[in-house]
Amino acid sequence: MKTHLQTGVSKRFGFHEIKEAIGYYMKNMTAGKVLLQPSLTKAVGSGPPAVVKTAPTQAAGKPMTLYTNGPGHFFYYNAKMTADYCGYPVQVHIVTPDEAATQEIKDKKGPGNFPFLETSDGTVIR
């Protein structure tokens, strides 16, 4: 019996559309992958692709927090590099095994794995 493994892609966005991509993902989590692609990013004048020039509004001066269980986690780098490239201020929080066992982290992490992002308004994106 042959089976084929595949991953469906729901929608693709350029880096300049990061807000739209996150919003789309939050509403369509089970529809397939949402990809950020440099080739879809609009260029401004000449030079590299456009980068978000203004940081998103921060609640009470609090940046977004990217939680990871270690700096060597592959998916941590995807999230961190995307945030850096788009000009989003992200504070990195490396969660220790003892801290991962606390109810606060369990509540934020939910049934998902690391990494996950907490926005400045408290929304958690897993």
C-alpha atoms as a PDB file:
ATOM      1  CA  MET A   1       0.000   0.000   0.000  1.00  0.00           C
ATOM      2  CA  LYS A   2       1.507   3.299  -1.096  1.00  0.00           C
ATOM      3  CA  THR A   3       0.843   6.524   0.730  1.00  0.00           C
ATOM      4  CA  HIS A   4       1.966  10.034  -0.066  1.00  0.00           C
ATOM      5  CA  LEU A   5       2.878  12.573   2.550  1.00  0.00           C
ATOM      6  CA  GLN A   6       2.104  16.137   1.685  1.00  0.00           C
ATOM      7  CA  THR A   7       1.547  19.503   3.285  1.00  0.00           C
ATOM      8  CA  GLY A   8      -1.097  21.833   1.953  1.00  0.00           C
ATOM      9  CA  VAL A   9      -0.321  25.502   1.495  1.00  0.00           C
ATOM     10  CA  SER A  10      -3.305  27.722   2.168  1.00  0.00           C
ATOM     11  CA  LYS A  11      -1.834  31.105   1.237  1.00  0.00           C
ATOM     12  CA  ARG A  12       1.458  32.874   0.539  1.00  0.00           C
ATOM     13  CA  PHE A  13       2.434  36.388   1.631  1.00  0.00           C
ATOM     14  CA  GLY A  14       5.379  38.732   1.147  1.00  0.00           C
ATOM     15  CA  PHE A  15       7.276  39.925   4.212  1.00  0.00           C
ATOM     16  CA  HIS A  16       5.606  43.346   3.894  1.00  0.00           C
ATOM     17  CA  GLU A  17       2.272  41.582   4.524  1.00  0.00           C
ATOM     18  CA  ILE A  18       3.228  40.103   7.911  1.00  0.00           C
ATOM     19  CA  LYS A  19       0.206  41.587   9.707  1.00  0.00           C
ATOM     20  CA  GLU A  20      -2.177  40.204   7.094  1.00  0.00           C
ATOM     21  CA  ALA A  21      -0.412  36.825   7.201  1.00  0.00           C
ATOM     22  CA  ILE A  22      -0.782  36.544  10.976  1.00  0.00           C
ATOM     23  CA  GLY A  23      -4.423  37.617  10.801  1.00  0.00           C
ATOM     24  CA  TYR A  24      -5.144  35.104   8.037  1.00  0.00           C
ATOM     25  CA  TYR A  25      -3.384  32.339   9.972  1.00  0.00           C
ATOM     26  CA  MET A  26      -5.326  33.100  13.167  1.00  0.00           C
ATOM     27  CA  LYS A  27      -8.630  32.731  11.270  1.00  0.00           C
ATOM     28  CA  ASN A  28      -7.614  29.728   9.128  1.00  0.00           C
ATOM     29  CA  MET A  29      -5.264  27.597  11.252  1.00  0.00           C
ATOM     30  CA  THR A  30      -6.525  24.290   9.882  1.00  0.00           C
ATOM     31  CA  ALA A  31      -6.689  25.344   6.215  1.00  0.00           C
ATOM     32  CA  GLY A  32      -3.013  24.617   5.509  1.00  0.00           C
ATOM     33  CA  LYS A  33       0.353  26.304   5.841  1.00  0.00           C
ATOM     34  CA  VAL A  34       0.729  30.070   5.553  1.00  0.00           C
ATOM     35  CA  LEU A  35       4.056  30.942   3.962  1.00  0.00           C
ATOM     36  CA  LEU A  36       6.118  34.132   4.012  1.00  0.00           C
ATOM     37  CA  GLN A  37       8.129  34.409   0.813  1.00  0.00           C
ATOM     38  CA  PRO A  38      10.828  36.973   0.034  1.00  0.00           C
ATOM     39  CA  SER A  39       9.990  36.718  -3.675  1.00  0.00           C
ATOM     40  CA  LEU A  40       6.498  38.102  -2.974  1.00  0.00           C
ATOM     41  CA  THR A  41       7.788  41.076  -0.997  1.00  0.00           C
ATOM     42  CA  LYS A  42       7.300  44.437  -2.690  1.00  0.00           C
ATOM     43  CA  ALA A  43      10.484  46.347  -3.347  1.00  0.00           C
ATOM     44  CA  VAL A  44      10.685  50.039  -2.505  1.00  0.00           C
ATOM     45  CA  GLY A  45      12.797  51.843  -5.083  1.00  0.00           C
ATOM     46  CA  SER A  46      15.982  49.944  -5.748  1.00  0.00           C
ATOM     47  CA  GLY A  47      17.731  47.608  -3.374  1.00  0.00           C
ATOM     48  CA  PRO A  48      16.515  44.790  -1.120  1.00  0.00           C
ATOM     49  CA  PRO A  49      12.857  43.903  -0.548  1.00  0.00           C
ATOM     50  CA  ALA A  50      10.747  46.244   1.530  1.00  0.00           C
ATOM     51  CA  VAL A  51      10.927  46.050   5.301  1.00  0.00           C
ATOM     52  CA  VAL A  52       8.241  47.279   7.673  1.00  0.00           C
ATOM     53  CA  LYS A  53       9.547  50.716   8.645  1.00  0.00           C
ATOM     54  CA  THR A  54       7.453  51.279  11.751  1.00  0.00           C
ATOM     55  CA  ALA A  55       7.146  48.859  14.623  1.00  0.00           C
ATOM     56  CA  PRO A  56       3.652  47.757  15.608  1.00  0.00           C
ATOM     57  CA  THR A  57       2.025  49.572  18.494  1.00  0.00           C
ATOM     58  CA  GLN A  58       3.229  48.235  21.815  1.00  0.00           C
ATOM     59  CA  ALA A  59       0.908  48.008  24.801  1.00  0.00           C
ATOM     60  CA  ALA A  60       2.463  49.968  27.669  1.00  0.00           C
ATOM     61  CA  GLY A  61       5.873  49.806  25.964  1.00  0.00           C
ATOM     62  CA  LYS A  62       5.918  46.009  26.118  1.00  0.00           C
ATOM     63  CA  PRO A  63       7.452  44.272  23.070  1.00  0.00           C
ATOM     64  CA  MET A  64       6.272  40.943  21.730  1.00  0.00           C
ATOM     65  CA  THR A  65       7.843  37.938  23.469  1.00  0.00           C
ATOM     66  CA  LEU A  66       9.066  34.859  21.630  1.00  0.00           C
ATOM     67  CA  TYR A  67       9.170  31.855  23.975  1.00  0.00           C
ATOM     68  CA  THR A  68      11.487  28.967  23.132  1.00  0.00           C
ATOM     69  CA  ASN A  69      12.914  26.002  24.996  1.00  0.00           C
ATOM     70  CA  GLY A  70      16.382  26.633  23.612  1.00  0.00           C
ATOM     71  CA  PRO A  71      18.275  28.836  21.161  1.00  0.00           C
ATOM     72  CA  GLY A  72      19.070  25.795  19.012  1.00  0.00           C
ATOM     73  CA  HIS A  73      15.415  25.098  18.180  1.00  0.00           C
ATOM     74  CA  PHE A  74      14.981  25.152  14.381  1.00  0.00           C
ATOM     75  CA  PHE A  75      11.581  26.863  14.411  1.00  0.00           C
ATOM     76  CA  TYR A  76      12.820  29.524  16.836  1.00  0.00           C
ATOM     77  CA  TYR A  77      15.131  30.845  14.125  1.00  0.00           C
ATOM     78  CA  ASN A  78      12.310  31.008  11.565  1.00  0.00           C
ATOM     79  CA  ALA A  79      10.210  33.195  13.865  1.00  0.00           C
ATOM     80  CA  LYS A  80      13.125  35.327  15.109  1.00  0.00           C
ATOM     81  CA  MET A  81      14.577  36.010  11.666  1.00  0.00           C
ATOM     82  CA  THR A  82      11.158  36.928  10.270  1.00  0.00           C
ATOM     83  CA  ALA A  83      10.508  39.364  13.118  1.00  0.00           C
ATOM     84  CA  ASP A  84      13.972  40.902  12.754  1.00  0.00           C
ATOM     85  CA  TYR A  85      13.651  41.205   8.978  1.00  0.00           C
ATOM     86  CA  CYS A  86      10.269  42.913   9.296  1.00  0.00           C
ATOM     87  CA  GLY A  87      11.442  45.311  11.982  1.00  0.00           C
ATOM     88  CA  TYR A  88       9.255  43.909  14.758  1.00  0.00           C
ATOM     89  CA  PRO A  89      10.783  44.262  18.231  1.00  0.00           C
ATOM     90  CA  VAL A  90      10.826  40.809  19.826  1.00  0.00           C
ATOM     91  CA  GLN A  91      12.076  39.914  23.271  1.00  0.00           C
ATOM     92  CA  VAL A  92      13.329  36.314  23.470  1.00  0.00           C
ATOM     93  CA  HIS A  93      12.479  34.275  26.556  1.00  0.00           C
ATOM     94  CA  ILE A  94      14.287  30.939  26.888  1.00  0.00           C
ATOM     95  CA  VAL A  95      12.080  28.704  29.023  1.00  0.00           C
ATOM     96  CA  THR A  96      13.902  26.358  31.399  1.00  0.00           C
ATOM     97  CA  PRO A  97      12.546  22.848  32.021  1.00  0.00           C
ATOM     98  CA  ASP A  98      11.454  23.920  35.524  1.00  0.00           C
ATOM     99  CA  GLU A  99       9.673  26.971  34.149  1.00  0.00           C
ATOM    100  CA  ALA A 100       8.007  24.876  31.413  1.00  0.00           C
ATOM    101  CA  ALA A 101       6.349  22.873  34.187  1.00  0.00           C
ATOM    102  CA  THR A 102       4.666  25.982  35.653  1.00  0.00           C
ATOM    103  CA  GLN A 103       0.970  26.593  35.068  1.00  0.00           C
ATOM    104  CA  GLU A 104       1.650  30.048  33.593  1.00  0.00           C
ATOM    105  CA  ILE A 105       3.745  28.621  30.735  1.00  0.00           C
ATOM    106  CA  LYS A 106       1.397  25.649  30.270  1.00  0.00           C
ATOM    107  CA  ASP A 107      -1.538  28.067  29.923  1.00  0.00           C
ATOM    108  CA  LYS A 108       0.315  30.182  27.362  1.00  0.00           C
ATOM    109  CA  LYS A 109       1.715  27.235  25.422  1.00  0.00           C
ATOM    110  CA  GLY A 110      -1.512  25.264  25.395  1.00  0.00           C
ATOM    111  CA  PRO A 111      -1.351  21.932  23.570  1.00  0.00           C
ATOM    112  CA  GLY A 112       1.278  23.304  21.148  1.00  0.00           C
ATOM    113  CA  ASN A 113       5.030  23.103  21.220  1.00  0.00           C
ATOM    114  CA  PHE A 114       7.787  25.670  21.324  1.00  0.00           C
ATOM    115  CA  PRO A 115       8.297  28.267  20.044  1.00  0.00           C
ATOM    116  CA  PHE A 116       5.256  30.464  20.526  1.00  0.00           C
ATOM    117  CA  LEU A 117       4.775  34.208  20.385  1.00  0.00           C
ATOM    118  CA  GLU A 118       2.960  36.458  22.828  1.00  0.00           C
ATOM    119  CA  THR A 119       1.996  39.803  21.322  1.00  0.00           C
ATOM    120  CA  SER A 120       2.090  43.044  23.267  1.00  0.00           C
ATOM    121  CA  ASP A 121      -1.677  42.801  23.890  1.00  0.00           C
ATOM    122  CA  GLY A 122      -1.354  39.283  25.383  1.00  0.00           C
ATOM    123  CA  THR A 123      -2.467  37.293  22.320  1.00  0.00           C
ATOM    124  CA  VAL A 124      -0.563  34.002  22.041  1.00  0.00           C
ATOM    125  CA  ILE A 125       0.277  32.680  18.566  1.00  0.00           C
ATOM    126  CA  ARG A 126       1.254  29.017  18.549  1.00  0.00           C
END
